[in-house]
């Protein structure tokens, strides 16, 4: 067995450090099936939304530090992971509809929704479309207004494939020490990005490049956390602070020395901030 295969197995363990089993089940939505990770538990469910090119297991390290009594749910977004061949179009409206359908299938009336990066934008789309099913919101290293540089990445992937952007993405997500160490999280990120559906990835970059809901955030009224990483060049501290200023009563945090994917760099700190 080669090292990549070994890393894949290590990354998808069936228990977290709280020693609770993490069930992995297939859920059928309107036009596709997806894999859902569900810890069970009581209290208000926490639903975790991953970034572009990843899958539900992006949250593995954070999951280990979340409260053992809480029900934690994560799933593969349309076009990603086990849902990579889903039909239909990749739009924020469709992704929000998918999440609403998933909650219905799991008999969850209201949830705390947590999104990082692209997942944070899906969380905002859901919050605006289905406020009656949202109890709380956490936005981590994400955007609420257009980020035009991603149009260049989308064009590059369409012309050259995923291999052309893997190293660029890793350099944005990890610091030099993590890149040199080449640990399990980095190997997972590299593998997921290299093997992503290139058309879905490019389309997601275009969605982020055009996402613009900043002037609608003031309509949100649920408890909200906004979490920024000091060194993030996409969801910059200034941008995340602007998001927080639009949502009345929101709580704003900055993680010192943090990069875009805090779930890999500082999973314990991120979990602490989320609860």
Protein backbone atom coordinates (compact mmCIF):
# COMPACT_ATOMS: atom_id res chain seq x y z
CA UNK A 1 0.00 0.00 0.00
CA UNK A 2 1.47 3.38 -0.94
CA UNK A 3 1.64 6.43 1.32
CA UNK A 4 -1.31 8.19 -0.32
CA UNK A 5 -3.56 5.19 0.30
CA UNK A 6 -2.37 5.06 3.91
CA UNK A 7 -3.12 8.76 4.37
CA UNK A 8 -6.61 8.32 2.96
CA UNK A 9 -7.39 5.61 5.49
CA UNK A 10 -5.93 7.57 8.40
CA UNK A 11 -7.95 10.63 7.47
CA UNK A 12 -11.34 8.90 7.49
CA UNK A 13 -11.30 7.19 10.88
CA UNK A 14 -14.65 6.13 12.31
CA UNK A 15 -14.21 7.68 15.77
CA UNK A 16 -13.12 11.06 17.04
CA UNK A 17 -11.14 11.85 20.19
CA UNK A 18 -14.37 12.00 22.21
CA UNK A 19 -14.65 8.26 21.47
CA UNK A 20 -18.05 8.67 19.84
CA UNK A 21 -18.75 6.77 16.67
CA UNK A 22 -19.10 8.84 13.51
CA UNK A 23 -21.64 7.14 11.26
CA UNK A 24 -21.27 7.55 7.51
CA UNK A 25 -24.56 7.15 5.66
CA UNK A 26 -25.92 7.78 2.17
CA UNK A 27 -28.82 10.24 1.94
CA UNK A 28 -30.87 10.65 -1.22
CA UNK A 29 -31.75 14.26 -2.02
CA UNK A 30 -33.96 15.36 -4.91
CA UNK A 31 -31.57 14.56 -7.74
CA UNK A 32 -28.51 12.95 -6.14
CA UNK A 33 -27.17 11.00 -3.21
CA UNK A 34 -24.55 12.30 -0.80
CA UNK A 35 -22.54 10.98 2.13
CA UNK A 36 -23.46 12.34 5.55
CA UNK A 37 -21.29 12.07 8.65
CA UNK A 38 -23.45 12.10 11.79
CA UNK A 39 -22.32 11.75 15.40
CA UNK A 40 -25.79 11.57 16.85
CA UNK A 41 -26.23 13.29 20.19
CA UNK A 42 -28.68 15.72 21.69
CA UNK A 43 -29.17 19.44 21.71
CA UNK A 44 -29.09 21.82 18.79
CA UNK A 45 -27.45 20.12 15.76
CA UNK A 46 -24.32 21.68 14.26
CA UNK A 47 -24.10 21.34 10.47
CA UNK A 48 -20.63 21.81 8.98
CA UNK A 49 -20.13 22.98 5.36
CA UNK A 50 -16.78 22.36 3.64
CA UNK A 51 -14.74 24.29 1.09
CA UNK A 52 -14.26 23.90 -2.66
CA UNK A 53 -12.73 20.60 -3.73
CA UNK A 54 -13.05 19.01 -0.30
CA UNK A 55 -15.67 16.78 1.30
CA UNK A 56 -17.23 16.24 4.72
CA UNK A 57 -13.97 14.84 6.09
CA UNK A 58 -12.41 18.30 5.84
CA UNK A 59 -13.82 18.79 9.35
CA UNK A 60 -12.23 15.66 10.85
CA UNK A 61 -9.74 17.42 13.12
CA UNK A 62 -12.24 20.05 14.30
CA UNK A 63 -14.84 17.38 15.02
CA UNK A 64 -12.52 15.83 17.58
CA UNK A 65 -12.73 18.96 19.75
CA UNK A 66 -16.44 19.75 19.51
CA UNK A 67 -18.66 18.93 22.50
CA UNK A 68 -19.35 15.21 22.86
CA UNK A 69 -23.00 15.81 23.69
CA UNK A 70 -23.77 17.82 20.56
CA UNK A 71 -25.04 16.26 17.34
CA UNK A 72 -22.58 17.10 14.57
CA UNK A 73 -23.50 16.66 10.91
CA UNK A 74 -21.27 17.14 7.88
CA UNK A 75 -21.94 16.13 4.27
CA UNK A 76 -20.51 16.26 0.76
CA UNK A 77 -21.77 19.32 -1.09
CA UNK A 78 -23.16 18.92 -4.59
CA UNK A 79 -20.30 18.31 -7.04
CA UNK A 80 -17.93 17.19 -4.27
CA UNK A 81 -16.86 13.89 -2.74
CA UNK A 82 -19.47 11.19 -3.20
CA UNK A 83 -21.79 13.80 -4.74
CA UNK A 84 -19.26 14.83 -7.41
CA UNK A 85 -21.44 13.53 -10.25
CA UNK A 86 -24.68 15.14 -9.06
CA UNK A 87 -26.89 16.48 -11.78
CA UNK A 88 -28.27 19.99 -11.87
CA UNK A 89 -26.41 23.27 -11.79
CA UNK A 90 -23.96 24.45 -9.17
CA UNK A 91 -25.55 27.61 -7.82
CA UNK A 92 -25.89 29.04 -4.33
CA UNK A 93 -29.66 28.73 -4.62
CA UNK A 94 -29.36 25.02 -5.42
CA UNK A 95 -26.79 24.42 -2.67
CA UNK A 96 -29.08 26.13 -0.13
CA UNK A 97 -31.99 24.01 -1.37
CA UNK A 98 -29.85 20.89 -0.95
CA UNK A 99 -29.10 21.80 2.66
CA UNK A 100 -32.76 22.45 3.37
CA UNK A 101 -33.63 19.07 1.89
CA UNK A 102 -30.93 17.37 3.94
CA UNK A 103 -32.26 18.84 7.19
CA UNK A 104 -35.73 17.58 6.27
CA UNK A 105 -34.42 14.09 5.57
CA UNK A 106 -32.63 14.07 8.94
CA UNK A 107 -35.72 15.42 10.76
CA UNK A 108 -33.84 18.53 11.87
CA UNK A 109 -36.20 21.48 12.22
CA UNK A 110 -33.54 24.08 13.11
CA UNK A 111 -29.78 23.91 13.13
CA UNK A 112 -26.64 25.87 13.80
CA UNK A 113 -24.94 26.15 10.41
CA UNK A 114 -21.16 26.55 10.20
CA UNK A 115 -19.40 27.23 6.93
CA UNK A 116 -15.74 27.73 6.08
CA UNK A 117 -14.62 29.36 2.82
CA UNK A 118 -17.06 28.30 0.06
CA UNK A 119 -19.09 26.58 2.77
CA UNK A 120 -19.48 29.95 4.46
CA UNK A 121 -21.06 31.36 1.33
CA UNK A 122 -23.42 28.40 1.11
CA UNK A 123 -24.28 29.06 4.77
CA UNK A 124 -25.12 32.69 3.97
CA UNK A 125 -27.26 31.65 1.01
CA UNK A 126 -29.11 29.21 3.27
CA UNK A 127 -29.53 31.82 6.01
CA UNK A 128 -31.11 34.26 3.58
CA UNK A 129 -33.35 31.69 1.88
CA UNK A 130 -34.43 29.58 4.87
CA UNK A 131 -34.18 31.72 8.03
CA UNK A 132 -36.91 29.68 9.73
CA UNK A 133 -34.58 26.66 9.84
CA UNK A 134 -31.53 28.55 11.12
CA UNK A 135 -30.87 28.82 14.85
CA UNK A 136 -27.30 30.15 14.74
CA UNK A 137 -24.61 30.88 12.17
CA UNK A 138 -20.83 30.74 12.09
CA UNK A 139 -18.89 32.17 9.14
CA UNK A 140 -15.22 31.24 8.91
CA UNK A 141 -12.70 32.71 6.44
CA UNK A 142 -15.30 33.40 3.77
CA UNK A 143 -16.63 36.13 1.48
CA UNK A 144 -19.82 38.19 1.21
CA UNK A 145 -18.78 40.28 -1.80
CA UNK A 146 -17.04 39.42 -5.09
CA UNK A 147 -13.46 38.16 -5.23
CA UNK A 148 -12.49 38.67 -8.86
CA UNK A 149 -9.00 37.06 -8.76
CA UNK A 150 -10.69 33.66 -8.70
CA UNK A 151 -11.85 34.18 -12.29
CA UNK A 152 -8.22 33.72 -13.33
CA UNK A 153 -7.99 30.43 -11.45
CA UNK A 154 -11.22 29.21 -13.03
CA UNK A 155 -9.89 29.99 -16.50
CA UNK A 156 -6.57 28.32 -15.76
CA UNK A 157 -8.22 25.10 -14.55
CA UNK A 158 -10.43 24.93 -17.63
CA UNK A 159 -7.39 25.29 -19.86
CA UNK A 160 -4.79 23.25 -17.97
CA UNK A 161 -6.60 21.03 -15.47
CA UNK A 162 -6.37 20.78 -11.69
CA UNK A 163 -2.64 20.01 -11.62
CA UNK A 164 -1.95 23.62 -12.63
CA UNK A 165 -3.36 25.08 -9.40
CA UNK A 166 -2.58 22.52 -6.69
CA UNK A 167 0.63 24.13 -5.44
CA UNK A 168 -0.86 27.62 -5.62
CA UNK A 169 -3.77 26.51 -3.43
CA UNK A 170 -1.58 24.72 -0.91
CA UNK A 171 0.62 27.79 -0.54
CA UNK A 172 -2.49 29.86 0.24
CA UNK A 173 -3.82 27.36 2.78
CA UNK A 174 -0.69 26.27 4.68
CA UNK A 175 2.34 28.01 6.14
CA UNK A 176 5.89 27.07 5.16
CA UNK A 177 6.37 24.77 8.16
CA UNK A 178 3.24 22.75 7.32
CA UNK A 179 4.27 22.53 3.67
CA UNK A 180 7.67 21.17 4.68
CA UNK A 181 6.20 18.71 7.20
CA UNK A 182 3.77 17.27 4.62
CA UNK A 183 1.48 15.93 7.34
CA UNK A 184 -1.86 14.12 6.94
CA UNK A 185 -3.90 17.32 6.55
CA UNK A 186 -1.67 18.61 3.78
CA UNK A 187 -1.66 15.25 2.01
CA UNK A 188 -5.46 15.16 2.23
CA UNK A 189 -5.71 18.72 0.85
CA UNK A 190 -3.33 17.93 -1.99
CA UNK A 191 -5.14 14.75 -2.93
CA UNK A 192 -8.60 16.33 -2.78
CA UNK A 193 -7.56 19.29 -4.91
CA UNK A 194 -5.68 17.24 -7.49
CA UNK A 195 -8.62 14.85 -7.88
CA UNK A 196 -11.41 17.44 -7.83
CA UNK A 197 -13.92 17.62 -10.65
CA UNK A 198 -12.28 20.40 -12.68
CA UNK A 199 -15.52 21.81 -14.09
CA UNK A 200 -17.15 21.92 -10.65
CA UNK A 201 -14.02 23.50 -9.17
CA UNK A 202 -13.88 26.15 -11.89
CA UNK A 203 -17.59 26.88 -11.54
CA UNK A 204 -17.20 27.25 -7.78
CA UNK A 205 -14.38 29.75 -8.31
CA UNK A 206 -16.70 31.73 -10.57
CA UNK A 207 -19.44 31.62 -7.94
CA UNK A 208 -17.06 33.00 -5.32
CA UNK A 209 -15.84 35.65 -7.77
CA UNK A 210 -19.40 36.92 -8.17
CA UNK A 211 -20.91 36.30 -4.71
CA UNK A 212 -22.47 39.52 -3.44
CA UNK A 213 -24.79 39.55 -0.42
CA UNK A 214 -23.06 42.10 1.83
CA UNK A 215 -25.98 44.52 1.65
CA UNK A 216 -28.43 41.77 2.66
CA UNK A 217 -26.64 40.62 5.79
CA UNK A 218 -28.34 43.22 7.96
CA UNK A 219 -31.57 41.22 7.62
CA UNK A 220 -30.08 38.33 9.62
CA UNK A 221 -31.20 38.12 13.22
CA UNK A 222 -29.73 34.85 14.54
CA UNK A 223 -26.71 34.62 16.85
CA UNK A 224 -23.69 34.80 14.55
CA UNK A 225 -19.96 34.24 14.91
CA UNK A 226 -17.56 35.67 12.35
CA UNK A 227 -14.09 34.13 12.51
CA UNK A 228 -11.15 35.52 10.56
CA UNK A 229 -7.58 34.29 10.10
CA UNK A 230 -4.90 36.95 10.39
CA UNK A 231 -2.99 35.88 7.25
CA UNK A 232 -5.94 34.94 5.06
CA UNK A 233 -5.65 36.59 1.64
CA UNK A 234 -9.20 35.71 0.51
CA UNK A 235 -11.50 36.23 3.49
CA UNK A 236 -9.21 38.94 4.80
CA UNK A 237 -9.50 40.34 8.31
CA UNK A 238 -10.83 43.59 6.89
CA UNK A 239 -13.46 41.79 4.83
CA UNK A 240 -14.54 39.54 7.69
CA UNK A 241 -14.78 42.57 9.96
CA UNK A 242 -17.06 44.21 7.38
CA UNK A 243 -19.26 41.10 7.42
CA UNK A 244 -19.49 41.24 11.21
CA UNK A 245 -20.40 44.92 11.11
CA UNK A 246 -23.40 44.14 8.90
CA UNK A 247 -24.88 41.45 11.17
CA UNK A 248 -26.37 42.97 14.28
CA UNK A 249 -25.04 41.46 17.50
CA UNK A 250 -22.48 39.23 15.80
CA UNK A 251 -19.29 38.22 17.59
CA UNK A 252 -16.01 38.74 15.74
CA UNK A 253 -12.79 36.79 16.30
CA UNK A 254 -9.33 36.91 14.70
CA UNK A 255 -7.04 33.88 14.90
CA UNK A 256 -3.42 35.16 15.06
CA UNK A 257 -1.06 33.71 12.44
CA UNK A 258 -4.00 31.87 10.88
CA UNK A 259 -4.26 30.98 7.20
CA UNK A 260 -7.39 30.41 5.13
CA UNK A 261 -8.12 26.80 6.16
CA UNK A 262 -8.14 27.11 9.93
CA UNK A 263 -9.68 23.64 10.18
CA UNK A 264 -6.28 22.18 9.31
CA UNK A 265 -3.94 24.67 10.97
CA UNK A 266 -5.69 25.32 14.28
CA UNK A 267 -8.54 22.80 14.66
CA UNK A 268 -8.66 23.02 18.47
CA UNK A 269 -8.77 26.82 18.48
CA UNK A 270 -11.43 26.86 15.79
CA UNK A 271 -13.57 24.32 17.66
CA UNK A 272 -13.26 26.41 20.83
CA UNK A 273 -14.41 29.54 18.99
CA UNK A 274 -17.35 27.69 17.44
CA UNK A 275 -18.78 26.73 20.83
